[in-house]
């Protein structure tokens, strides 16, 4: 399946119908050839679609931070592709041959969790999925993991639906924990 366009939420039904009709017309006129499809089989191309200015800005940002050895926080609404962006950052970085480990709140809550997570990552990438859902103790464990010196220190990434700046300024808890 190919992506032709996108609709911001909430979407307008007449707009959806117009865009769908236009996409079907364009597809009938010029069917896409297999060599034009951007995908994971082409190592020099990002497996992302979109030609809008917002997507072009995202591509530039991904290219800038891809090999930066800094923690990354990816925010956005549910379904916007936060985990996909994290995976792209890993798969197109110098760490692409190393493990990519996704961690949720239940994984880190286990007392032995942090050590096992670091061992599984082997210097690759650790993604904390929905970091705002982690309780305060788990967030403290994550900070300690990030401060752990070693030869095979992984890259740390996190996703969040919540706006961390707003949570910190409002001191508003979300889920089981709070950020800040």
N, C-alpha and C. Protein backbone atom coordinates (compact mmCIF):
# COMPACT_ATOMS: atom_id res chain seq x y z
N UNK A 1 0.84 -1.19 0.00
CA UNK A 1 0.00 0.00 0.00
C UNK A 1 0.88 1.24 0.00
N UNK A 2 0.47 2.23 -0.73
CA UNK A 2 1.22 3.47 -0.84
C UNK A 2 0.44 4.59 -0.15
N UNK A 3 1.15 5.58 0.31
CA UNK A 3 0.50 6.76 0.88
C UNK A 3 0.50 7.85 -0.18
N UNK A 4 -0.63 8.49 -0.36
CA UNK A 4 -0.75 9.56 -1.34
C UNK A 4 -0.85 10.91 -0.65
N UNK A 5 -1.60 10.98 0.43
CA UNK A 5 -1.88 12.23 1.11
C UNK A 5 -2.15 11.92 2.57
N UNK A 6 -2.38 12.94 3.35
CA UNK A 6 -2.76 12.74 4.74
C UNK A 6 -3.81 13.77 5.10
N UNK A 7 -4.55 13.46 6.16
CA UNK A 7 -5.57 14.38 6.65
C UNK A 7 -5.29 14.70 8.10
N UNK A 8 -5.27 15.98 8.44
CA UNK A 8 -5.11 16.32 9.86
C UNK A 8 -6.41 16.02 10.60
N UNK A 9 -6.29 15.69 11.88
CA UNK A 9 -7.48 15.43 12.69
C UNK A 9 -7.94 16.71 13.33
N UNK A 10 -9.21 16.94 13.53
CA UNK A 10 -10.34 16.15 12.99
C UNK A 10 -10.49 16.44 11.50
N UNK A 11 -10.85 15.40 10.73
CA UNK A 11 -10.94 15.61 9.29
C UNK A 11 -12.37 15.90 8.86
N UNK A 12 -12.47 16.52 7.70
CA UNK A 12 -13.73 16.94 7.11
C UNK A 12 -14.13 15.91 6.06
N UNK A 13 -15.35 15.34 6.14
CA UNK A 13 -15.77 14.28 5.23
C UNK A 13 -15.74 14.71 3.76
N UNK A 14 -16.25 15.88 3.39
CA UNK A 14 -16.15 16.28 1.97
C UNK A 14 -14.69 16.39 1.50
N UNK A 15 -13.81 16.88 2.37
CA UNK A 15 -12.39 16.96 2.02
C UNK A 15 -11.82 15.56 1.82
N UNK A 16 -12.18 14.62 2.67
CA UNK A 16 -11.74 13.23 2.54
C UNK A 16 -12.18 12.66 1.20
N UNK A 17 -13.43 12.90 0.84
CA UNK A 17 -13.96 12.36 -0.42
C UNK A 17 -13.22 12.96 -1.62
N UNK A 18 -12.95 14.27 -1.59
CA UNK A 18 -12.21 14.93 -2.69
C UNK A 18 -10.80 14.36 -2.82
N UNK A 19 -10.13 14.24 -1.70
CA UNK A 19 -8.75 13.73 -1.73
C UNK A 19 -8.70 12.28 -2.20
N UNK A 20 -9.68 11.48 -1.78
CA UNK A 20 -9.73 10.08 -2.20
C UNK A 20 -9.96 10.00 -3.70
N UNK A 21 -10.89 10.78 -4.22
CA UNK A 21 -11.16 10.78 -5.66
C UNK A 21 -9.92 11.21 -6.45
N UNK A 22 -9.25 12.25 -5.97
CA UNK A 22 -8.03 12.74 -6.64
C UNK A 22 -6.94 11.67 -6.62
N UNK A 23 -6.80 10.96 -5.52
CA UNK A 23 -5.79 9.91 -5.42
C UNK A 23 -6.10 8.77 -6.38
N UNK A 24 -7.38 8.40 -6.48
CA UNK A 24 -7.76 7.32 -7.40
C UNK A 24 -7.53 7.73 -8.85
N UNK A 25 -7.82 8.99 -9.19
CA UNK A 25 -7.57 9.48 -10.54
C UNK A 25 -6.07 9.45 -10.87
N UNK A 26 -5.26 9.94 -9.96
CA UNK A 26 -3.81 9.95 -10.19
C UNK A 26 -3.25 8.55 -10.30
N UNK A 27 -3.75 7.63 -9.50
CA UNK A 27 -3.27 6.25 -9.55
C UNK A 27 -3.63 5.61 -10.89
N UNK A 28 -4.84 5.89 -11.39
CA UNK A 28 -5.27 5.33 -12.67
C UNK A 28 -4.44 5.88 -13.82
N UNK A 29 -4.07 7.16 -13.73
CA UNK A 29 -3.29 7.79 -14.80
C UNK A 29 -1.84 7.33 -14.83
N UNK A 30 -1.22 7.19 -13.69
CA UNK A 30 0.22 6.88 -13.64
C UNK A 30 0.50 5.87 -12.54
N UNK A 31 0.32 4.58 -12.83
CA UNK A 31 0.61 3.59 -11.79
C UNK A 31 2.09 3.61 -11.42
N UNK A 32 2.34 3.46 -10.15
CA UNK A 32 3.72 3.53 -9.65
C UNK A 32 4.48 2.26 -9.99
N UNK A 33 5.70 2.44 -10.46
CA UNK A 33 6.56 1.31 -10.77
C UNK A 33 7.27 0.85 -9.50
N UNK A 34 7.59 -0.44 -9.38
CA UNK A 34 8.25 -0.93 -8.17
C UNK A 34 9.54 -0.22 -7.83
N UNK A 35 10.29 0.25 -8.85
CA UNK A 35 11.56 0.91 -8.56
C UNK A 35 11.37 2.34 -8.05
N UNK A 36 10.14 2.84 -8.02
CA UNK A 36 9.87 4.18 -7.50
C UNK A 36 9.46 4.16 -6.04
N UNK A 37 9.23 3.00 -5.49
CA UNK A 37 8.75 2.89 -4.12
C UNK A 37 9.92 3.02 -3.16
N UNK A 38 9.77 3.92 -2.19
CA UNK A 38 10.79 4.09 -1.17
C UNK A 38 10.50 3.11 -0.06
N UNK A 39 11.48 2.32 0.33
CA UNK A 39 11.24 1.35 1.38
C UNK A 39 12.51 0.93 2.07
N UNK A 40 12.37 -0.04 2.96
CA UNK A 40 13.49 -0.50 3.77
C UNK A 40 14.54 -1.21 2.93
N UNK A 41 14.19 -1.68 1.71
CA UNK A 41 15.17 -2.38 0.88
C UNK A 41 16.17 -1.42 0.24
N UNK A 42 15.91 -0.14 0.32
CA UNK A 42 16.81 0.86 -0.24
C UNK A 42 17.50 1.57 0.90
N UNK A 43 18.74 1.18 1.23
CA UNK A 43 19.39 1.69 2.43
C UNK A 43 19.63 3.19 2.44
N UNK A 44 19.65 3.84 1.29
CA UNK A 44 19.92 5.28 1.26
C UNK A 44 18.65 6.12 1.38
N UNK A 45 17.49 5.49 1.41
CA UNK A 45 16.22 6.22 1.45
C UNK A 45 15.50 5.94 2.77
N UNK A 46 14.93 6.97 3.36
CA UNK A 46 14.15 6.80 4.58
C UNK A 46 12.82 6.13 4.26
N UNK A 47 12.37 5.19 5.08
CA UNK A 47 11.08 4.53 4.83
C UNK A 47 9.91 5.37 5.33
N UNK A 48 9.90 6.63 4.96
CA UNK A 48 8.84 7.55 5.35
C UNK A 48 8.26 8.15 4.09
N UNK A 49 7.00 8.52 4.15
CA UNK A 49 6.37 9.11 2.98
C UNK A 49 5.88 10.51 3.32
N UNK A 50 5.76 11.33 2.31
CA UNK A 50 5.21 12.67 2.51
C UNK A 50 6.09 13.72 1.87
N UNK A 51 5.46 14.64 1.18
CA UNK A 51 6.19 15.71 0.51
C UNK A 51 5.80 17.07 1.05
N UNK A 52 5.01 17.09 2.11
CA UNK A 52 4.56 18.37 2.67
C UNK A 52 5.74 19.08 3.32
N UNK A 53 5.64 20.39 3.50
CA UNK A 53 6.71 21.11 4.18
C UNK A 53 7.00 20.55 5.58
N UNK A 54 5.96 20.12 6.29
CA UNK A 54 6.17 19.55 7.63
C UNK A 54 6.99 18.27 7.56
N UNK A 55 6.70 17.41 6.59
CA UNK A 55 7.45 16.16 6.45
C UNK A 55 8.88 16.44 5.99
N UNK A 56 9.06 17.41 5.10
CA UNK A 56 10.40 17.76 4.66
C UNK A 56 11.24 18.27 5.84
N UNK A 57 10.62 19.06 6.71
CA UNK A 57 11.32 19.54 7.91
C UNK A 57 11.67 18.37 8.82
N UNK A 58 10.77 17.39 8.92
CA UNK A 58 11.05 16.21 9.73
C UNK A 58 12.23 15.42 9.16
N UNK A 59 12.27 15.25 7.84
CA UNK A 59 13.39 14.54 7.21
C UNK A 59 14.72 15.23 7.52
N UNK A 60 14.73 16.57 7.45
CA UNK A 60 15.96 17.31 7.74
C UNK A 60 16.38 17.12 9.20
N UNK A 61 15.40 17.14 10.10
CA UNK A 61 15.69 16.95 11.52
C UNK A 61 16.24 15.55 11.78
N UNK A 62 15.63 14.54 11.18
CA UNK A 62 16.10 13.15 11.33
C UNK A 62 17.54 13.04 10.84
N UNK A 63 17.84 13.64 9.71
CA UNK A 63 19.20 13.59 9.16
C UNK A 63 20.20 14.26 10.10
N UNK A 64 19.79 15.36 10.75
CA UNK A 64 20.71 16.07 11.66
C UNK A 64 21.01 15.29 12.93
N UNK A 65 20.01 14.61 13.49
CA UNK A 65 20.22 13.95 14.79
C UNK A 65 20.53 12.46 14.68
N UNK A 66 20.51 11.93 13.48
CA UNK A 66 20.68 10.50 13.26
C UNK A 66 21.90 9.91 13.99
N UNK A 67 23.04 10.55 13.88
CA UNK A 67 24.26 10.01 14.48
C UNK A 67 24.75 10.81 15.68
N UNK A 68 23.92 11.69 16.18
CA UNK A 68 24.29 12.43 17.40
C UNK A 68 24.13 11.49 18.60
N UNK A 69 25.15 11.40 19.41
CA UNK A 69 25.09 10.53 20.59
C UNK A 69 24.44 11.26 21.75
N UNK A 70 23.20 11.66 21.56
CA UNK A 70 22.45 12.38 22.57
C UNK A 70 21.11 11.69 22.78
N UNK A 71 20.54 11.80 23.98
CA UNK A 71 19.19 11.26 24.18
C UNK A 71 18.19 12.02 23.30
N UNK A 72 17.15 11.32 22.87
CA UNK A 72 16.15 11.91 21.98
C UNK A 72 14.77 11.69 22.59
N UNK A 73 13.95 12.75 22.63
CA UNK A 73 12.55 12.66 23.05
C UNK A 73 11.68 12.98 21.85
N UNK A 74 10.80 12.05 21.49
CA UNK A 74 9.92 12.21 20.34
C UNK A 74 8.49 12.35 20.88
N UNK A 75 7.87 13.50 20.62
CA UNK A 75 6.52 13.73 21.13
C UNK A 75 5.53 13.83 19.98
N UNK A 76 4.27 13.54 20.28
CA UNK A 76 3.22 13.65 19.29
C UNK A 76 2.00 12.87 19.72
N UNK A 77 0.91 13.11 19.03
CA UNK A 77 -0.34 12.42 19.34
C UNK A 77 -0.23 10.94 19.01
N UNK A 78 -1.14 10.16 19.55
CA UNK A 78 -1.20 8.73 19.26
C UNK A 78 -1.38 8.51 17.76
N UNK A 79 -0.60 7.59 17.20
CA UNK A 79 -0.73 7.27 15.79
C UNK A 79 0.05 8.15 14.84
N UNK A 80 0.90 9.02 15.36
CA UNK A 80 1.64 9.93 14.48
C UNK A 80 2.99 9.37 14.04
N UNK A 81 3.35 8.18 14.49
CA UNK A 81 4.58 7.55 14.02
C UNK A 81 5.80 7.81 14.87
N UNK A 82 5.61 8.06 16.16
CA UNK A 82 6.76 8.33 17.05
C UNK A 82 7.72 7.14 17.07
N UNK A 83 7.19 5.93 17.21
CA UNK A 83 8.05 4.74 17.25
C UNK A 83 8.73 4.50 15.91
N UNK A 84 8.04 4.81 14.82
CA UNK A 84 8.65 4.68 13.49
C UNK A 84 9.83 5.63 13.34
N UNK A 85 9.68 6.85 13.81
CA UNK A 85 10.79 7.81 13.74
C UNK A 85 11.97 7.31 14.57
N UNK A 86 11.69 6.78 15.76
CA UNK A 86 12.77 6.23 16.60
C UNK A 86 13.47 5.09 15.87
N UNK A 87 12.70 4.23 15.23
CA UNK A 87 13.28 3.10 14.52
C UNK A 87 14.13 3.59 13.33
N UNK A 88 13.65 4.59 12.62
CA UNK A 88 14.41 5.16 11.50
C UNK A 88 15.72 5.76 12.01
N UNK A 89 15.65 6.50 13.12
CA UNK A 89 16.87 7.08 13.69
C UNK A 89 17.90 6.00 14.00
N UNK A 90 17.44 4.86 14.51
CA UNK A 90 18.36 3.75 14.81
C UNK A 90 18.85 3.08 13.53
N UNK A 91 17.90 2.71 12.66
CA UNK A 91 18.23 1.91 11.47
C UNK A 91 19.13 2.63 10.47
N UNK A 92 19.15 3.96 10.50
CA UNK A 92 19.98 4.70 9.57
C UNK A 92 21.17 5.36 10.27
N UNK A 93 21.41 4.97 11.52
CA UNK A 93 22.53 5.52 12.28
C UNK A 93 23.72 4.58 12.23
N UNK A 94 24.81 5.00 12.84
CA UNK A 94 25.99 4.14 12.93
C UNK A 94 25.74 2.93 13.83
N UNK A 95 24.65 2.93 14.60
CA UNK A 95 24.32 1.82 15.50
C UNK A 95 23.39 0.79 14.85
N UNK A 96 23.13 0.91 13.56
CA UNK A 96 22.13 0.07 12.89
C UNK A 96 22.38 -1.42 13.02
N UNK A 97 23.62 -1.85 13.21
CA UNK A 97 23.91 -3.28 13.33
C UNK A 97 23.77 -3.78 14.77
N UNK A 98 23.51 -2.87 15.69
CA UNK A 98 23.35 -3.22 17.10
C UNK A 98 21.86 -3.32 17.44
N UNK A 99 21.53 -3.94 18.59
CA UNK A 99 20.11 -4.13 18.94
C UNK A 99 19.33 -2.84 19.15
N UNK A 100 18.04 -2.93 18.87
CA UNK A 100 17.06 -1.87 19.14
C UNK A 100 16.08 -2.48 20.14
N UNK A 101 16.03 -1.94 21.35
CA UNK A 101 15.22 -2.52 22.42
C UNK A 101 14.14 -1.52 22.83
N UNK A 102 12.88 -1.94 22.75
CA UNK A 102 11.76 -1.11 23.19
C UNK A 102 11.37 -1.52 24.60
N UNK A 103 11.23 -0.54 25.48
CA UNK A 103 10.94 -0.78 26.89
C UNK A 103 9.65 -0.05 27.26
N UNK A 104 8.75 -0.76 27.97
CA UNK A 104 7.55 -0.09 28.47
C UNK A 104 7.62 -0.02 29.99
N UNK A 105 6.62 0.57 30.61
CA UNK A 105 6.63 0.79 32.06
C UNK A 105 6.77 -0.51 32.84
N UNK A 106 6.14 -1.59 32.40
CA UNK A 106 6.22 -2.87 33.12
C UNK A 106 7.64 -3.44 33.08
N UNK A 107 8.35 -3.24 31.99
CA UNK A 107 9.71 -3.77 31.86
C UNK A 107 10.66 -3.13 32.87
N UNK A 108 10.55 -1.85 33.08
CA UNK A 108 11.50 -1.13 33.93
C UNK A 108 11.12 -1.26 35.40
N UNK A 109 9.85 -1.53 35.72
CA UNK A 109 9.41 -1.62 37.11
C UNK A 109 10.05 -2.81 37.83
N UNK A 110 10.39 -3.85 37.11
CA UNK A 110 11.05 -5.02 37.69
C UNK A 110 12.41 -4.58 38.23
N UNK A 111 12.72 -4.98 39.46
CA UNK A 111 13.98 -4.57 40.10
C UNK A 111 15.21 -4.95 39.28
N UNK A 112 15.14 -6.08 38.59
CA UNK A 112 16.28 -6.51 37.77
C UNK A 112 16.20 -5.94 36.36
N UNK A 113 15.13 -5.22 36.06
CA UNK A 113 14.89 -4.71 34.72
C UNK A 113 16.00 -3.89 34.11
N UNK A 114 16.48 -2.84 34.80
CA UNK A 114 17.50 -1.99 34.17
C UNK A 114 18.75 -2.74 33.73
N UNK A 115 19.25 -3.65 34.56
CA UNK A 115 20.46 -4.39 34.20
C UNK A 115 20.21 -5.27 32.98
N UNK A 116 19.05 -5.93 32.95
CA UNK A 116 18.73 -6.79 31.80
C UNK A 116 18.54 -5.96 30.54
N UNK A 117 17.92 -4.81 30.68
CA UNK A 117 17.69 -3.95 29.52
C UNK A 117 19.02 -3.49 28.93
N UNK A 118 19.93 -3.04 29.78
CA UNK A 118 21.25 -2.62 29.31
C UNK A 118 21.99 -3.77 28.65
N UNK A 119 21.87 -4.97 29.23
CA UNK A 119 22.54 -6.14 28.66
C UNK A 119 21.96 -6.48 27.29
N UNK A 120 20.65 -6.38 27.13
CA UNK A 120 20.02 -6.68 25.84
C UNK A 120 20.40 -5.66 24.78
N UNK A 121 20.58 -4.41 25.18
CA UNK A 121 20.86 -3.34 24.20
C UNK A 121 22.26 -3.46 23.60
N UNK A 122 23.22 -3.93 24.36
CA UNK A 122 24.60 -4.16 23.86
C UNK A 122 25.15 -2.97 23.07
N UNK A 123 24.90 -1.76 23.56
CA UNK A 123 25.44 -0.59 22.88
C UNK A 123 24.58 -0.07 21.75
N UNK A 124 23.42 -0.67 21.53
CA UNK A 124 22.52 -0.24 20.47
C UNK A 124 21.67 0.94 20.90
N UNK A 125 20.37 0.77 20.80
CA UNK A 125 19.43 1.84 21.15
C UNK A 125 18.36 1.29 22.08
N UNK A 126 18.02 2.07 23.11
CA UNK A 126 16.91 1.74 24.00
C UNK A 126 15.84 2.80 23.80
N UNK A 127 14.62 2.35 23.47
CA UNK A 127 13.48 3.25 23.31
C UNK A 127 12.52 3.04 24.48
N UNK A 128 12.29 4.08 25.27
CA UNK A 128 11.31 4.04 26.35
C UNK A 128 9.99 4.53 25.77
N UNK A 129 9.05 3.59 25.60
CA UNK A 129 7.78 3.89 24.96
C UNK A 129 6.82 4.54 25.95
N UNK A 130 6.33 5.71 25.63
CA UNK A 130 5.42 6.50 26.47
C UNK A 130 6.02 6.75 27.85
N UNK A 131 7.11 7.48 27.87
CA UNK A 131 7.88 7.76 29.09
C UNK A 131 7.04 8.42 30.18
N UNK A 132 6.03 9.19 29.83
CA UNK A 132 5.20 9.85 30.84
C UNK A 132 4.34 8.85 31.62
N UNK A 133 4.20 7.63 31.10
CA UNK A 133 3.44 6.60 31.82
C UNK A 133 4.29 5.89 32.87
N UNK A 134 5.59 6.13 32.88
CA UNK A 134 6.47 5.49 33.85
C UNK A 134 6.31 6.19 35.20
N UNK A 135 6.25 5.42 36.28
CA UNK A 135 6.13 6.05 37.60
C UNK A 135 7.44 6.72 37.98
N UNK A 136 7.40 7.49 39.07
CA UNK A 136 8.57 8.28 39.49
C UNK A 136 9.79 7.39 39.74
N UNK A 137 9.61 6.24 40.40
CA UNK A 137 10.74 5.34 40.67
C UNK A 137 11.35 4.82 39.37
N UNK A 138 10.51 4.47 38.42
CA UNK A 138 11.01 3.98 37.13
C UNK A 138 11.76 5.06 36.39
N UNK A 139 11.27 6.30 36.44
CA UNK A 139 11.97 7.40 35.79
C UNK A 139 13.34 7.62 36.45
N UNK A 140 13.40 7.46 37.77
CA UNK A 140 14.69 7.58 38.47
C UNK A 140 15.64 6.48 38.02
N UNK A 141 15.12 5.26 37.82
CA UNK A 141 15.96 4.15 37.33
C UNK A 141 16.51 4.46 35.94
N UNK A 142 15.67 5.06 35.12
CA UNK A 142 16.11 5.41 33.77
C UNK A 142 17.25 6.43 33.82
N UNK A 143 17.12 7.42 34.68
CA UNK A 143 18.19 8.42 34.83
C UNK A 143 19.48 7.73 35.26
N UNK A 144 19.38 6.80 36.21
CA UNK A 144 20.59 6.07 36.65
C UNK A 144 21.17 5.25 35.51
N UNK A 145 20.31 4.63 34.69
CA UNK A 145 20.79 3.87 33.53
C UNK A 145 21.57 4.78 32.59
N UNK A 146 21.05 5.97 32.38
CA UNK A 146 21.69 6.91 31.45
C UNK A 146 23.02 7.41 31.98
N UNK A 147 23.17 7.41 33.29
CA UNK A 147 24.41 7.89 33.91
C UNK A 147 25.43 6.78 34.12
N UNK A 148 25.06 5.53 33.82
CA UNK A 148 25.95 4.39 34.02
C UNK A 148 27.09 4.43 33.01
N UNK A 149 28.33 4.53 33.49
CA UNK A 149 29.45 4.51 32.55
C UNK A 149 29.69 3.09 32.04
N UNK A 150 30.32 2.99 30.91
CA UNK A 150 30.64 1.67 30.38
C UNK A 150 31.13 1.76 28.95
N UNK A 151 31.58 0.60 28.46
CA UNK A 151 32.12 0.55 27.10
C UNK A 151 31.02 0.54 26.05
N UNK A 152 29.90 -0.10 26.37
CA UNK A 152 28.83 -0.27 25.39
C UNK A 152 27.58 0.48 25.83
N UNK A 153 27.71 1.79 26.00
CA UNK A 153 26.59 2.61 26.43
C UNK A 153 25.63 2.77 25.25
N UNK A 154 24.35 2.43 25.45
CA UNK A 154 23.39 2.56 24.35
C UNK A 154 22.95 4.01 24.15
N UNK A 155 22.29 4.23 23.03
CA UNK A 155 21.64 5.52 22.80
C UNK A 155 20.25 5.41 23.41
N UNK A 156 19.81 6.46 24.09
CA UNK A 156 18.51 6.45 24.74
C UNK A 156 17.54 7.34 23.97
N UNK A 157 16.35 6.79 23.72
CA UNK A 157 15.27 7.54 23.10
C UNK A 157 14.00 7.30 23.91
N UNK A 158 13.07 8.22 23.83
CA UNK A 158 11.78 8.06 24.50
C UNK A 158 10.69 8.68 23.64
N UNK A 159 9.48 8.12 23.77
CA UNK A 159 8.32 8.71 23.11
C UNK A 159 7.33 9.17 24.17
N UNK A 160 6.51 10.14 23.80
CA UNK A 160 5.48 10.62 24.72
C UNK A 160 4.36 11.30 23.94
N UNK A 161 3.12 10.98 24.33
CA UNK A 161 1.97 11.69 23.79
C UNK A 161 1.81 13.03 24.49
N UNK A 162 2.30 13.09 25.73
CA UNK A 162 2.15 14.30 26.53
C UNK A 162 3.22 15.32 26.16
N UNK A 163 2.90 16.57 26.33
CA UNK A 163 3.87 17.65 26.13
C UNK A 163 4.67 17.78 27.42
N UNK A 164 5.93 17.34 27.43
CA UNK A 164 6.69 17.35 28.68
C UNK A 164 6.88 18.74 29.26
N UNK A 165 7.02 19.74 28.42
CA UNK A 165 7.17 21.11 28.92
C UNK A 165 5.96 21.55 29.72
N UNK A 166 4.77 21.22 29.20
CA UNK A 166 3.54 21.57 29.91
C UNK A 166 3.42 20.78 31.21
N UNK A 167 3.76 19.50 31.17
CA UNK A 167 3.67 18.68 32.39
C UNK A 167 4.60 19.21 33.47
N UNK A 168 5.79 19.61 33.08
CA UNK A 168 6.75 20.13 34.06
C UNK A 168 6.27 21.46 34.62
N UNK A 169 5.82 22.36 33.75
CA UNK A 169 5.38 23.67 34.24
C UNK A 169 4.10 23.58 35.07
N UNK A 170 3.19 22.68 34.69
CA UNK A 170 1.94 22.52 35.44
C UNK A 170 2.08 21.58 36.63
N UNK A 171 3.20 20.83 36.66
CA UNK A 171 3.40 19.78 37.68
C UNK A 171 2.20 18.83 37.69
N UNK A 172 1.75 18.51 36.48
CA UNK A 172 0.58 17.65 36.31
C UNK A 172 1.03 16.21 36.11
N UNK A 173 0.57 15.28 36.95
CA UNK A 173 0.91 13.88 36.71
C UNK A 173 0.13 13.33 35.52
N UNK A 174 0.72 12.39 34.84
CA UNK A 174 0.04 11.71 33.75
C UNK A 174 0.22 10.22 33.97
N UNK A 175 -0.83 9.46 33.85
CA UNK A 175 -0.73 8.02 34.02
C UNK A 175 -0.28 7.70 35.43
N UNK A 176 0.70 6.83 35.56
CA UNK A 176 1.17 6.38 36.85
C UNK A 176 2.23 7.30 37.43
N UNK A 177 2.80 8.16 36.64
CA UNK A 177 3.91 8.98 37.14
C UNK A 177 3.79 10.39 36.64
N UNK A 178 4.85 11.11 36.81
CA UNK A 178 4.89 12.48 36.30
C UNK A 178 6.27 12.76 35.77
N UNK A 179 6.33 13.66 34.84
CA UNK A 179 7.62 14.06 34.29
C UNK A 179 8.08 15.26 35.09
N UNK A 180 9.31 15.22 35.53
CA UNK A 180 9.86 16.37 36.23
C UNK A 180 10.08 16.17 37.69
